[in-house]
Amino acid sequence: MTFDDWSIFCKYNHRVRSLKTGQCGVIQLDIEILRTLSCPPFSPPLLPNLRSLAWGETTSETFLYLWLFVTPKLTTLNISPMSLTFGPSEQSILSCISMLCPSISHFVFHSFKGSGDTSTALQCWSHLNR
C-alpha cells in the first residue's frame, strides 16, 4: 500500500468496532492482504477501537497475523481454527494476545481434535465470564 492508501485507511480505522473474518464472517483475508497489513507506517493495532473479533482464518500462517487486530479495548474474541493444528507457535501467539488484551470478558475457541491446549492463555484473562 502507498502512503496515501494508509492515510485513507487511518481516516476510517478508528470507526471499526467489530470484525469477523474467514469462516466466521464475510471478509476473507488471504495471506497477501495480511502481509500488506502487517507493514503499516504506524504502530499496531490496525483497528484501535476494535471491541469484538471473530477470527476464522484457518491456517497456521494466517493465525500468525491475529496480533495485528488485537487491542487493549478488545472484550470479545472468537477463534475458529477449523483445520489449524494448535501447536507451540500458536500457543505462544495466544499467550501474547492474552497480555495485549487484558479486557477480554468473552472468549470462544472452537477446538478440534489435535488443536492443543489453551489453558495457559486463559489463566491471564481475569475478566472472563463463565
N, C-alpha and C. Protein backbone atom coordinates (compact mmCIF):
# COMPACT_ATOMS: atom_id res chain seq x y z
N MET A 1 0.84 -1.17 0.00
CA MET A 1 0.00 0.00 0.00
C MET A 1 0.89 1.24 0.00
N THR A 2 0.41 2.25 -0.65
CA THR A 2 1.15 3.50 -0.69
C THR A 2 0.86 4.29 0.59
N PHE A 3 1.62 5.34 0.79
CA PHE A 3 1.39 6.19 1.95
C PHE A 3 -0.01 6.82 1.88
N ASP A 4 -0.43 7.19 0.67
CA ASP A 4 -1.78 7.74 0.50
C ASP A 4 -2.85 6.72 0.87
N ASP A 5 -2.63 5.46 0.51
CA ASP A 5 -3.57 4.39 0.89
C ASP A 5 -3.67 4.29 2.41
N TRP A 6 -2.52 4.32 3.07
CA TRP A 6 -2.51 4.23 4.53
C TRP A 6 -3.18 5.46 5.15
N SER A 7 -3.02 6.62 4.54
CA SER A 7 -3.67 7.83 5.05
C SER A 7 -5.19 7.68 5.02
N ILE A 8 -5.70 7.13 3.93
CA ILE A 8 -7.14 6.88 3.83
C ILE A 8 -7.57 5.85 4.88
N PHE A 9 -6.79 4.79 5.01
CA PHE A 9 -7.07 3.76 6.00
C PHE A 9 -7.17 4.37 7.39
N CYS A 10 -6.25 5.26 7.71
CA CYS A 10 -6.21 5.88 9.04
C CYS A 10 -7.37 6.83 9.30
N LYS A 11 -7.99 7.33 8.24
CA LYS A 11 -9.16 8.19 8.42
C LYS A 11 -10.35 7.39 8.95
N TYR A 12 -10.37 6.09 8.66
CA TYR A 12 -11.54 5.27 8.97
C TYR A 12 -11.28 4.14 9.97
N ASN A 13 -10.04 3.78 10.21
CA ASN A 13 -9.77 2.60 11.04
C ASN A 13 -10.30 2.71 12.46
N HIS A 14 -10.39 3.92 12.99
CA HIS A 14 -10.88 4.09 14.36
C HIS A 14 -12.38 3.86 14.48
N ARG A 15 -13.09 3.79 13.36
CA ARG A 15 -14.55 3.58 13.38
C ARG A 15 -14.93 2.11 13.55
N VAL A 16 -14.01 1.22 13.27
CA VAL A 16 -14.32 -0.22 13.29
C VAL A 16 -14.35 -0.72 14.73
N ARG A 17 -15.48 -1.30 15.11
CA ARG A 17 -15.65 -1.83 16.46
C ARG A 17 -15.73 -3.37 16.47
N SER A 18 -16.07 -3.94 15.32
CA SER A 18 -16.25 -5.39 15.24
C SER A 18 -15.71 -5.89 13.90
N LEU A 19 -15.06 -7.05 13.92
CA LEU A 19 -14.51 -7.64 12.70
C LEU A 19 -14.72 -9.15 12.74
N LYS A 20 -15.28 -9.67 11.66
CA LYS A 20 -15.47 -11.12 11.51
C LYS A 20 -14.78 -11.54 10.23
N THR A 21 -13.86 -12.49 10.33
CA THR A 21 -13.10 -12.93 9.16
C THR A 21 -13.26 -14.42 8.90
N GLY A 22 -12.88 -14.82 7.71
CA GLY A 22 -12.83 -16.24 7.35
C GLY A 22 -14.16 -16.95 7.53
N GLN A 23 -14.13 -18.09 8.18
CA GLN A 23 -15.31 -18.90 8.39
C GLN A 23 -16.34 -18.19 9.26
N CYS A 24 -15.90 -17.22 10.07
CA CYS A 24 -16.79 -16.51 10.99
C CYS A 24 -17.58 -15.40 10.31
N GLY A 25 -17.11 -14.91 9.18
CA GLY A 25 -17.77 -13.77 8.56
C GLY A 25 -17.60 -13.72 7.07
N VAL A 26 -17.93 -12.58 6.51
CA VAL A 26 -17.90 -12.44 5.05
C VAL A 26 -16.54 -11.98 4.53
N ILE A 27 -15.69 -11.46 5.40
CA ILE A 27 -14.40 -10.95 4.96
C ILE A 27 -13.38 -12.08 4.96
N GLN A 28 -12.82 -12.37 3.80
CA GLN A 28 -11.75 -13.35 3.68
C GLN A 28 -10.43 -12.59 3.56
N LEU A 29 -9.54 -12.80 4.50
CA LEU A 29 -8.24 -12.15 4.47
C LEU A 29 -7.21 -13.17 4.00
N ASP A 30 -6.86 -13.09 2.72
CA ASP A 30 -5.85 -14.03 2.26
C ASP A 30 -4.47 -13.57 2.73
N ILE A 31 -3.50 -14.42 2.57
CA ILE A 31 -2.17 -14.18 3.12
C ILE A 31 -1.53 -12.91 2.55
N GLU A 32 -1.79 -12.58 1.30
CA GLU A 32 -1.21 -11.37 0.71
C GLU A 32 -1.78 -10.11 1.36
N ILE A 33 -3.06 -10.12 1.64
CA ILE A 33 -3.68 -8.98 2.33
C ILE A 33 -3.08 -8.84 3.72
N LEU A 34 -2.96 -9.94 4.43
CA LEU A 34 -2.39 -9.90 5.78
C LEU A 34 -0.95 -9.42 5.76
N ARG A 35 -0.18 -9.87 4.79
CA ARG A 35 1.22 -9.41 4.68
C ARG A 35 1.27 -7.91 4.44
N THR A 36 0.40 -7.41 3.60
CA THR A 36 0.35 -5.97 3.32
C THR A 36 -0.03 -5.19 4.58
N LEU A 37 -1.04 -5.68 5.29
CA LEU A 37 -1.47 -5.00 6.50
C LEU A 37 -0.45 -5.08 7.62
N SER A 38 0.47 -6.01 7.54
CA SER A 38 1.46 -6.18 8.61
C SER A 38 2.61 -5.17 8.54
N CYS A 39 2.59 -4.30 7.54
CA CYS A 39 3.65 -3.30 7.39
C CYS A 39 3.10 -1.87 7.38
N PRO A 40 2.32 -1.49 8.39
CA PRO A 40 1.77 -0.14 8.38
C PRO A 40 2.85 0.88 8.75
N PRO A 41 2.65 2.13 8.35
CA PRO A 41 3.60 3.18 8.72
C PRO A 41 3.32 3.75 10.12
N PHE A 42 2.56 3.01 10.92
CA PHE A 42 2.25 3.39 12.29
C PHE A 42 2.27 2.13 13.14
N SER A 43 2.26 2.31 14.43
CA SER A 43 2.29 1.16 15.33
C SER A 43 0.92 0.49 15.39
N PRO A 44 0.90 -0.85 15.39
CA PRO A 44 -0.38 -1.54 15.58
C PRO A 44 -0.96 -1.19 16.94
N PRO A 45 -2.22 -1.36 17.15
CA PRO A 45 -3.15 -2.16 16.37
C PRO A 45 -3.69 -1.40 15.15
N LEU A 46 -4.05 -2.18 14.15
CA LEU A 46 -4.60 -1.59 12.94
C LEU A 46 -5.96 -0.94 13.18
N LEU A 47 -6.73 -1.54 14.06
CA LEU A 47 -8.09 -1.06 14.35
C LEU A 47 -8.15 -0.76 15.85
N PRO A 48 -7.72 0.44 16.25
CA PRO A 48 -7.52 0.73 17.67
C PRO A 48 -8.76 0.67 18.56
N ASN A 49 -9.96 0.78 17.98
CA ASN A 49 -11.18 0.74 18.79
C ASN A 49 -11.94 -0.57 18.65
N LEU A 50 -11.27 -1.59 18.15
CA LEU A 50 -11.91 -2.89 17.97
C LEU A 50 -12.30 -3.47 19.33
N ARG A 51 -13.56 -3.88 19.45
CA ARG A 51 -14.07 -4.45 20.70
C ARG A 51 -14.38 -5.95 20.55
N SER A 52 -14.69 -6.37 19.32
CA SER A 52 -15.08 -7.75 19.07
C SER A 52 -14.37 -8.28 17.83
N LEU A 53 -13.73 -9.44 17.98
CA LEU A 53 -13.01 -10.05 16.86
C LEU A 53 -13.38 -11.52 16.76
N ALA A 54 -13.89 -11.90 15.59
CA ALA A 54 -14.17 -13.31 15.29
C ALA A 54 -13.18 -13.70 14.20
N TRP A 55 -12.23 -14.55 14.55
CA TRP A 55 -11.12 -14.91 13.66
C TRP A 55 -11.33 -16.32 13.13
N GLY A 56 -11.68 -16.42 11.86
CA GLY A 56 -11.92 -17.72 11.26
C GLY A 56 -10.88 -18.08 10.21
N GLU A 57 -9.77 -17.36 10.20
CA GLU A 57 -8.69 -17.70 9.27
C GLU A 57 -8.10 -19.03 9.73
N THR A 58 -7.92 -19.95 8.81
CA THR A 58 -7.76 -21.34 9.23
C THR A 58 -6.36 -21.96 9.11
N THR A 59 -5.39 -21.25 8.64
CA THR A 59 -4.07 -21.87 8.52
C THR A 59 -3.13 -21.35 9.59
N SER A 60 -2.08 -22.10 9.85
CA SER A 60 -1.07 -21.64 10.81
C SER A 60 -0.46 -20.32 10.36
N GLU A 61 -0.30 -20.16 9.06
CA GLU A 61 0.29 -18.93 8.53
C GLU A 61 -0.61 -17.72 8.77
N THR A 62 -1.90 -17.85 8.54
CA THR A 62 -2.80 -16.71 8.74
C THR A 62 -3.03 -16.43 10.23
N PHE A 63 -2.97 -17.47 11.06
CA PHE A 63 -3.15 -17.28 12.50
C PHE A 63 -2.06 -16.37 13.07
N LEU A 64 -0.88 -16.41 12.46
CA LEU A 64 0.24 -15.58 12.92
C LEU A 64 -0.07 -14.09 12.84
N TYR A 65 -1.04 -13.69 12.02
CA TYR A 65 -1.37 -12.28 11.83
C TYR A 65 -2.48 -11.79 12.74
N LEU A 66 -2.98 -12.64 13.58
CA LEU A 66 -4.05 -12.27 14.51
C LEU A 66 -3.64 -11.09 15.38
N TRP A 67 -2.38 -11.02 15.74
CA TRP A 67 -1.89 -9.96 16.63
C TRP A 67 -2.10 -8.56 16.06
N LEU A 68 -2.21 -8.43 14.73
CA LEU A 68 -2.42 -7.12 14.11
C LEU A 68 -3.73 -6.48 14.54
N PHE A 69 -4.66 -7.29 14.96
CA PHE A 69 -6.02 -6.82 15.23
C PHE A 69 -6.38 -6.78 16.71
N VAL A 70 -5.50 -7.21 17.57
CA VAL A 70 -5.82 -7.21 19.00
C VAL A 70 -5.53 -5.84 19.59
N THR A 71 -6.39 -5.44 20.53
CA THR A 71 -6.26 -4.13 21.18
C THR A 71 -6.56 -4.29 22.67
N PRO A 72 -6.10 -3.35 23.47
CA PRO A 72 -6.47 -3.38 24.90
C PRO A 72 -7.97 -3.22 25.11
N LYS A 73 -8.68 -2.67 24.13
CA LYS A 73 -10.12 -2.47 24.24
C LYS A 73 -10.93 -3.71 23.85
N LEU A 74 -10.27 -4.73 23.32
CA LEU A 74 -10.97 -5.93 22.87
C LEU A 74 -11.60 -6.65 24.06
N THR A 75 -12.90 -6.91 23.97
CA THR A 75 -13.60 -7.61 25.05
C THR A 75 -14.12 -8.98 24.62
N THR A 76 -14.27 -9.18 23.31
CA THR A 76 -14.79 -10.45 22.80
C THR A 76 -13.85 -11.00 21.74
N LEU A 77 -13.41 -12.24 21.93
CA LEU A 77 -12.54 -12.89 20.97
C LEU A 77 -13.08 -14.29 20.69
N ASN A 78 -13.35 -14.56 19.42
CA ASN A 78 -13.88 -15.85 18.97
C ASN A 78 -12.89 -16.39 17.94
N ILE A 79 -12.26 -17.51 18.26
CA ILE A 79 -11.29 -18.11 17.34
C ILE A 79 -11.84 -19.45 16.87
N SER A 80 -11.95 -19.58 15.55
CA SER A 80 -12.43 -20.82 14.93
C SER A 80 -11.34 -21.36 14.02
N PRO A 81 -10.42 -22.15 14.57
CA PRO A 81 -9.27 -22.57 13.79
C PRO A 81 -9.55 -23.59 12.70
N MET A 82 -10.70 -24.25 12.74
CA MET A 82 -11.08 -25.26 11.77
C MET A 82 -9.97 -26.28 11.54
N SER A 83 -9.11 -26.09 10.54
CA SER A 83 -8.10 -27.10 10.22
C SER A 83 -6.74 -26.79 10.86
N LEU A 84 -6.68 -25.80 11.71
CA LEU A 84 -5.43 -25.39 12.33
C LEU A 84 -4.99 -26.40 13.39
N THR A 85 -3.74 -26.81 13.35
CA THR A 85 -3.17 -27.59 14.42
C THR A 85 -2.59 -26.61 15.42
N PHE A 86 -3.07 -26.65 16.63
CA PHE A 86 -2.70 -25.67 17.65
C PHE A 86 -1.45 -26.14 18.36
N GLY A 87 -0.30 -25.77 17.81
CA GLY A 87 0.98 -26.19 18.36
C GLY A 87 1.63 -25.11 19.20
N PRO A 88 2.93 -25.27 19.49
CA PRO A 88 3.65 -24.31 20.34
C PRO A 88 3.65 -22.87 19.78
N SER A 89 3.76 -22.70 18.48
CA SER A 89 3.75 -21.34 17.91
C SER A 89 2.41 -20.67 18.14
N GLU A 90 1.35 -21.40 17.89
CA GLU A 90 0.00 -20.86 18.07
C GLU A 90 -0.28 -20.59 19.55
N GLN A 91 0.19 -21.47 20.42
CA GLN A 91 0.04 -21.28 21.86
C GLN A 91 0.75 -20.01 22.30
N SER A 92 1.94 -19.78 21.76
CA SER A 92 2.70 -18.58 22.08
C SER A 92 1.97 -17.32 21.65
N ILE A 93 1.40 -17.35 20.46
CA ILE A 93 0.64 -16.20 19.96
C ILE A 93 -0.56 -15.93 20.86
N LEU A 94 -1.27 -16.97 21.22
CA LEU A 94 -2.44 -16.80 22.08
C LEU A 94 -2.03 -16.25 23.45
N SER A 95 -0.90 -16.68 23.97
CA SER A 95 -0.43 -16.17 25.25
C SER A 95 -0.08 -14.69 25.15
N CYS A 96 0.54 -14.28 24.05
CA CYS A 96 0.84 -12.86 23.84
C CYS A 96 -0.45 -12.05 23.73
N ILE A 97 -1.42 -12.60 23.04
CA ILE A 97 -2.69 -11.90 22.87
C ILE A 97 -3.35 -11.69 24.23
N SER A 98 -3.25 -12.67 25.09
CA SER A 98 -3.88 -12.52 26.40
C SER A 98 -3.23 -11.39 27.20
N MET A 99 -1.97 -11.11 26.96
CA MET A 99 -1.31 -9.99 27.64
C MET A 99 -1.67 -8.65 26.98
N LEU A 100 -1.88 -8.65 25.67
CA LEU A 100 -2.21 -7.43 24.94
C LEU A 100 -3.68 -7.04 25.09
N CYS A 101 -4.50 -8.00 25.49
CA CYS A 101 -5.96 -7.77 25.60
C CYS A 101 -6.44 -8.13 27.01
N PRO A 102 -6.09 -7.33 27.99
CA PRO A 102 -6.47 -7.69 29.37
C PRO A 102 -7.96 -7.58 29.65
N SER A 103 -8.71 -6.93 28.77
CA SER A 103 -10.13 -6.70 29.00
C SER A 103 -11.04 -7.78 28.44
N ILE A 104 -10.48 -8.85 27.90
CA ILE A 104 -11.31 -9.92 27.33
C ILE A 104 -12.25 -10.47 28.41
N SER A 105 -13.54 -10.42 28.10
CA SER A 105 -14.53 -10.99 29.02
C SER A 105 -15.28 -12.16 28.39
N HIS A 106 -15.24 -12.25 27.06
CA HIS A 106 -15.89 -13.35 26.34
C HIS A 106 -14.88 -13.95 25.36
N PHE A 107 -14.55 -15.21 25.59
CA PHE A 107 -13.58 -15.90 24.74
C PHE A 107 -14.18 -17.23 24.30
N VAL A 108 -14.18 -17.44 22.99
CA VAL A 108 -14.65 -18.71 22.44
C VAL A 108 -13.53 -19.27 21.56
N PHE A 109 -13.19 -20.51 21.82
CA PHE A 109 -12.19 -21.20 21.00
C PHE A 109 -12.82 -22.50 20.55
N HIS A 110 -13.13 -22.57 19.27
CA HIS A 110 -13.75 -23.78 18.72
C HIS A 110 -12.63 -24.79 18.50
N SER A 111 -12.42 -25.61 19.50
CA SER A 111 -11.32 -26.54 19.43
C SER A 111 -11.73 -27.83 18.73
N PHE A 112 -10.78 -28.39 18.06
CA PHE A 112 -10.98 -29.63 17.32
C PHE A 112 -9.91 -30.61 17.75
N LYS A 113 -10.10 -31.85 17.45
CA LYS A 113 -9.14 -32.88 17.82
C LYS A 113 -7.75 -32.47 17.36
N GLY A 114 -6.81 -32.50 18.27
CA GLY A 114 -5.44 -32.15 17.94
C GLY A 114 -5.17 -30.66 17.92
N SER A 115 -6.15 -29.87 18.36
CA SER A 115 -5.95 -28.42 18.29
C SER A 115 -5.08 -27.89 19.43
N GLY A 116 -4.90 -28.67 20.48
CA GLY A 116 -3.98 -28.28 21.54
C GLY A 116 -4.65 -27.65 22.74
N ASP A 117 -3.82 -27.16 23.66
CA ASP A 117 -4.26 -26.65 24.95
C ASP A 117 -4.23 -25.13 24.96
N THR A 118 -5.32 -24.52 25.41
CA THR A 118 -5.39 -23.06 25.51
C THR A 118 -5.38 -22.60 26.96
N SER A 119 -5.21 -23.51 27.91
CA SER A 119 -5.36 -23.17 29.33
C SER A 119 -4.37 -22.13 29.81
N THR A 120 -3.15 -22.13 29.30
CA THR A 120 -2.15 -21.15 29.74
C THR A 120 -2.61 -19.74 29.43
N ALA A 121 -3.12 -19.52 28.24
CA ALA A 121 -3.60 -18.19 27.86
C ALA A 121 -4.83 -17.81 28.67
N LEU A 122 -5.70 -18.76 28.95
CA LEU A 122 -6.93 -18.46 29.69
C LEU A 122 -6.64 -17.97 31.10
N GLN A 123 -5.56 -18.43 31.69
CA GLN A 123 -5.21 -18.02 33.05
C GLN A 123 -4.89 -16.53 33.13
N CYS A 124 -4.51 -15.92 32.04
CA CYS A 124 -4.13 -14.50 32.02
C CYS A 124 -5.34 -13.57 31.96
N TRP A 125 -6.50 -14.09 31.62
CA TRP A 125 -7.69 -13.25 31.48
C TRP A 125 -8.53 -13.33 32.76
N SER A 126 -8.41 -12.33 33.59
CA SER A 126 -9.12 -12.35 34.87
C SER A 126 -10.58 -11.91 34.75
N HIS A 127 -10.96 -11.30 33.61
CA HIS A 127 -12.32 -10.79 33.44
C HIS A 127 -13.25 -11.75 32.67
N LEU A 128 -12.81 -12.98 32.43
CA LEU A 128 -13.65 -13.89 31.65
C LEU A 128 -14.95 -14.20 32.39
N ASN A 129 -16.04 -14.17 31.63
CA ASN A 129 -17.34 -14.59 32.17
C ASN A 129 -17.49 -16.09 31.99
N ARG A 130 -18.24 -16.69 32.84
CA ARG A 130 -18.46 -18.14 32.74
C ARG A 130 -19.52 -18.45 31.75
